[in-house]
Amino acid sequence: MNSDTQTESTGKAAIFRSVSPEGNWKSLRYTSPATRRVPQNVPLLVDNLWEWRRPEGFPNRRFSAFASPTAALASKSAPGGVVCRAVLKGTFSLCQLKGWTDSKFHPECKSLPKLLAAKLGSTWTNAPLDHKQEVGRLWMPCLTKAEVQSLFETVDTLKSIRQEIEESVTYWKSVVKIASLDCMIDIEGELFFEAPEGYELIRVENG
């Protein structure tokens, strides 16, 4: 889990999550997951490439909770859920994706798999099984930065395209660290955060 949690909640602004109506969620203290979570909306390959290029100090998406800047957007992202205000406790690390309400809409979810397929081409698809498996590790769930780096450094087919792939991963240029909840820079952009000291959910009336 990322330990760079510098921001502290001021309590003046809010972020929102939509959660399952089942279970005793009221006034419950939530914490960041202890293990990496497999992405639900983003292709595994893309998730691995984004983690590979994640800047130092930014939240790790695999350990993050996701939220919206308005109750309406939270409701839209998870229809049928209970819309709550997320109250972050203590210090936390919070980011916002500019221009997209959900990372699944980011163009790299389509462009990066297409680019890899084009660059690997028949050299990979017609290769023996062992070689296919080497490259195919890029599609395995939740690779670490070091694991992705190692593949691009040790697998000959990936070595030759490493620079182009590296330069094509621009997701983090659209992500901004939020210094305060009062300073969100996009009225619709997806939010994600790590909160080692937890967060509470308070139901939004009529939400």
Protein backbone atom coordinates (compact mmCIF):
# COMPACT_ATOMS: atom_id res chain seq x y z
CA MET A 1 0.00 0.00 0.00
CA ASN A 2 1.18 3.51 -0.71
CA SER A 3 2.34 5.22 2.48
CA ASP A 4 2.56 8.77 1.11
CA THR A 5 -0.58 10.15 2.79
CA GLN A 6 -0.02 13.85 3.22
CA THR A 7 -3.43 15.47 2.89
CA GLU A 8 -5.76 16.12 5.80
CA SER A 9 -9.51 16.62 5.57
CA THR A 10 -10.79 20.11 6.30
CA GLY A 11 -14.41 19.00 6.64
CA LYS A 12 -15.60 21.91 4.46
CA ALA A 13 -16.19 19.97 1.25
CA ALA A 14 -17.33 16.46 0.42
CA ILE A 15 -16.86 13.49 -1.83
CA PHE A 16 -19.45 10.78 -2.39
CA ARG A 17 -19.73 7.02 -2.77
CA SER A 18 -22.64 4.77 -3.65
CA VAL A 19 -22.62 1.56 -1.62
CA SER A 20 -24.73 -1.58 -1.45
CA PRO A 21 -27.94 -1.08 0.57
CA GLU A 22 -27.37 -4.47 2.17
CA GLY A 23 -25.47 -4.83 5.41
CA ASN A 24 -24.80 -2.57 8.35
CA TRP A 25 -22.94 0.23 6.57
CA LYS A 26 -24.21 3.07 8.78
CA SER A 27 -21.53 4.89 10.77
CA LEU A 28 -19.09 2.15 9.86
CA ARG A 29 -15.39 2.93 9.72
CA TYR A 30 -13.95 1.72 6.43
CA THR A 31 -10.27 1.21 5.72
CA SER A 32 -8.22 0.71 2.58
CA PRO A 33 -8.01 -2.95 1.52
CA ALA A 34 -5.02 -4.90 2.80
CA THR A 35 -4.50 -6.74 -0.48
CA ARG A 36 -4.47 -5.63 -4.10
CA ARG A 37 -7.85 -5.77 -5.81
CA VAL A 38 -8.35 -6.97 -9.37
CA PRO A 39 -9.83 -4.08 -11.42
CA GLN A 40 -13.46 -4.51 -12.38
CA ASN A 41 -13.81 -1.89 -15.13
CA VAL A 42 -10.30 -1.55 -16.57
CA PRO A 43 -8.53 -4.23 -18.67
CA LEU A 44 -5.82 -6.08 -16.75
CA LEU A 45 -3.16 -5.10 -19.27
CA VAL A 46 -4.06 -1.42 -18.97
CA ASP A 47 -4.18 -1.60 -15.18
CA ASN A 48 -0.67 -3.08 -15.17
CA LEU A 49 0.70 -0.43 -17.52
CA TRP A 50 -0.87 2.35 -15.46
CA GLU A 51 0.68 0.95 -12.29
CA TRP A 52 4.04 0.67 -14.06
CA ARG A 53 3.97 4.39 -14.88
CA ARG A 54 2.36 5.59 -11.61
CA PRO A 55 4.32 8.59 -10.27
CA GLU A 56 5.88 8.38 -6.84
CA GLY A 57 3.50 9.48 -4.09
CA PHE A 58 0.28 8.94 -6.04
CA PRO A 59 -2.33 6.51 -4.64
CA ASN A 60 -2.13 2.92 -5.80
CA ARG A 61 -5.40 2.22 -7.62
CA ARG A 62 -5.41 -1.40 -6.40
CA PHE A 63 -5.62 -0.23 -2.76
CA SER A 64 -7.80 2.82 -3.36
CA ALA A 65 -11.46 3.57 -2.74
CA PHE A 66 -13.22 5.36 -5.58
CA ALA A 67 -15.61 8.28 -5.27
CA SER A 68 -17.37 11.09 -7.12
CA PRO A 69 -17.39 14.87 -6.55
CA THR A 70 -21.23 15.00 -6.39
CA ALA A 71 -23.97 12.79 -4.98
CA ALA A 72 -25.68 12.65 -8.39
CA LEU A 73 -22.58 11.25 -10.07
CA ALA A 74 -22.08 8.71 -7.29
CA SER A 75 -25.66 7.52 -7.78
CA LYS A 76 -25.15 7.27 -11.53
CA SER A 77 -21.95 5.26 -11.12
CA ALA A 78 -23.68 2.61 -8.98
CA PRO A 79 -27.45 2.68 -9.57
CA GLY A 80 -29.52 1.21 -6.78
CA GLY A 81 -26.93 1.89 -4.12
CA VAL A 82 -27.07 4.06 -1.03
CA VAL A 83 -25.43 7.41 -1.74
CA CYS A 84 -23.18 8.53 1.09
CA ARG A 85 -20.77 11.31 1.88
CA ALA A 86 -17.33 9.87 2.52
CA VAL A 87 -15.67 11.49 5.54
CA LEU A 88 -11.93 10.85 5.36
CA LYS A 89 -10.21 10.46 8.71
CA GLY A 90 -6.77 11.76 9.56
CA THR A 91 -4.32 11.91 6.68
CA PHE A 92 -5.01 10.48 3.26
CA SER A 93 -3.80 10.59 -0.34
CA LEU A 94 -6.45 11.76 -2.82
CA CYS A 95 -6.38 12.17 -6.60
CA GLN A 96 -8.80 13.26 -9.27
CA LEU A 97 -8.94 12.16 -12.89
CA LYS A 98 -9.62 15.20 -15.06
CA GLY A 99 -12.18 14.84 -17.81
CA TRP A 100 -13.64 11.40 -17.08
CA THR A 101 -16.23 10.30 -14.53
CA ASP A 102 -14.73 6.80 -14.49
CA SER A 103 -11.33 5.49 -15.54
CA LYS A 104 -13.07 2.88 -17.70
CA PHE A 105 -13.88 5.73 -20.13
CA HIS A 106 -10.26 6.81 -20.47
CA PRO A 107 -9.17 6.29 -24.12
CA GLU A 108 -6.15 4.22 -23.10
CA CYS A 109 -8.50 1.39 -22.07
CA LYS A 110 -8.87 0.80 -25.81
CA SER A 111 -5.75 2.34 -27.30
CA LEU A 112 -3.12 0.51 -25.21
CA PRO A 113 -4.37 -3.04 -25.96
CA LYS A 114 -4.60 -2.12 -29.65
CA LEU A 115 -1.09 -0.69 -29.61
CA LEU A 116 0.38 -3.79 -27.94
CA ALA A 117 -1.41 -6.07 -30.38
CA ALA A 118 -0.12 -4.07 -33.36
CA LYS A 119 3.45 -3.91 -32.09
CA LEU A 120 3.64 -7.59 -31.12
CA GLY A 121 1.91 -8.74 -34.30
CA SER A 122 2.69 -12.14 -35.77
CA THR A 123 6.03 -12.27 -33.94
CA TRP A 124 4.02 -13.06 -30.85
CA THR A 125 0.88 -14.74 -32.19
CA ASN A 126 2.86 -17.26 -34.25
CA ALA A 127 5.51 -17.87 -31.61
CA PRO A 128 5.88 -21.11 -29.60
CA LEU A 129 3.81 -21.42 -26.44
CA ASP A 130 6.71 -20.67 -24.08
CA HIS A 131 7.37 -17.35 -25.80
CA LYS A 132 3.70 -16.45 -25.83
CA GLN A 133 3.58 -17.08 -22.10
CA GLU A 134 6.51 -14.74 -21.44
CA VAL A 135 4.79 -11.82 -23.13
CA GLY A 136 1.36 -12.90 -21.92
CA ARG A 137 2.37 -12.19 -18.33
CA LEU A 138 1.56 -8.56 -19.05
CA TRP A 139 -2.11 -9.61 -19.01
CA MET A 140 -1.89 -11.23 -15.56
CA PRO A 141 -3.77 -9.50 -12.69
CA CYS A 142 -2.21 -6.87 -10.46
CA LEU A 143 1.44 -6.91 -11.50
CA THR A 144 3.67 -4.62 -9.49
CA LYS A 145 5.77 -1.83 -10.98
CA ALA A 146 8.85 -3.99 -10.57
CA GLU A 147 7.23 -6.99 -12.26
CA VAL A 148 6.18 -4.98 -15.32
CA GLN A 149 9.59 -3.34 -15.47
CA SER A 150 11.26 -6.73 -15.33
CA LEU A 151 9.21 -8.01 -18.27
CA PHE A 152 10.20 -5.05 -20.43
CA GLU A 153 13.84 -5.52 -19.45
CA THR A 154 14.13 -9.30 -19.88
CA VAL A 155 11.71 -10.36 -22.64
CA ASP A 156 13.32 -9.61 -26.01
CA THR A 157 10.02 -8.97 -27.80
CA LEU A 158 9.06 -6.39 -25.18
CA LYS A 159 12.53 -4.81 -24.99
CA SER A 160 12.25 -3.57 -28.56
CA ILE A 161 8.94 -1.76 -27.98
CA ARG A 162 9.49 -0.61 -24.40
CA GLN A 163 10.13 3.05 -25.13
CA GLU A 164 7.11 3.44 -27.39
CA ILE A 165 4.79 1.75 -24.89
CA GLU A 166 6.24 3.77 -22.03
CA GLU A 167 5.64 7.03 -23.91
CA SER A 168 2.10 5.96 -24.83
CA VAL A 169 0.99 5.58 -21.21
CA THR A 170 -0.24 9.12 -20.49
CA TYR A 171 -3.02 8.35 -17.97
CA TRP A 172 -1.23 10.00 -15.06
CA LYS A 173 -0.92 13.29 -16.94
CA SER A 174 -4.69 13.55 -16.49
CA VAL A 175 -4.52 12.79 -12.75
CA VAL A 176 -4.03 15.55 -10.19
CA LYS A 177 -3.28 15.20 -6.49
CA ILE A 178 -5.84 17.07 -4.41
CA ALA A 179 -4.31 19.13 -1.61
CA SER A 180 -7.70 19.81 -0.01
CA LEU A 181 -11.29 18.74 -0.59
CA ASP A 182 -11.97 22.43 -1.19
CA CYS A 183 -9.63 22.40 -4.18
CA MET A 184 -11.10 19.81 -6.54
CA ILE A 185 -10.36 20.81 -10.11
CA ASP A 186 -13.09 18.96 -12.02
CA ILE A 187 -16.81 18.95 -11.25
CA GLU A 188 -17.20 15.46 -12.70
CA GLY A 189 -13.80 13.75 -12.55
CA GLU A 190 -13.38 10.39 -10.84
CA LEU A 191 -11.74 10.52 -7.42
CA PHE A 192 -9.67 7.80 -5.79
CA PHE A 193 -7.91 7.76 -2.46
CA GLU A 194 -5.99 5.80 0.13
CA ALA A 195 -7.01 6.47 3.72
CA PRO A 196 -4.90 4.45 6.17
CA GLU A 197 -6.86 5.86 9.12
CA GLY A 198 -10.14 4.99 7.48
CA TYR A 199 -13.24 6.86 6.42
CA GLU A 200 -16.88 6.93 7.42
CA LEU A 201 -19.98 6.97 5.25
CA ILE A 202 -22.92 9.22 6.06
CA ARG A 203 -26.08 8.72 4.06
CA VAL A 204 -27.15 11.61 1.86
CA GLU A 205 -30.79 12.44 2.42
CA ASN A 206 -32.84 11.72 -0.73
CA GLY A 207 -29.66 10.38 -2.31
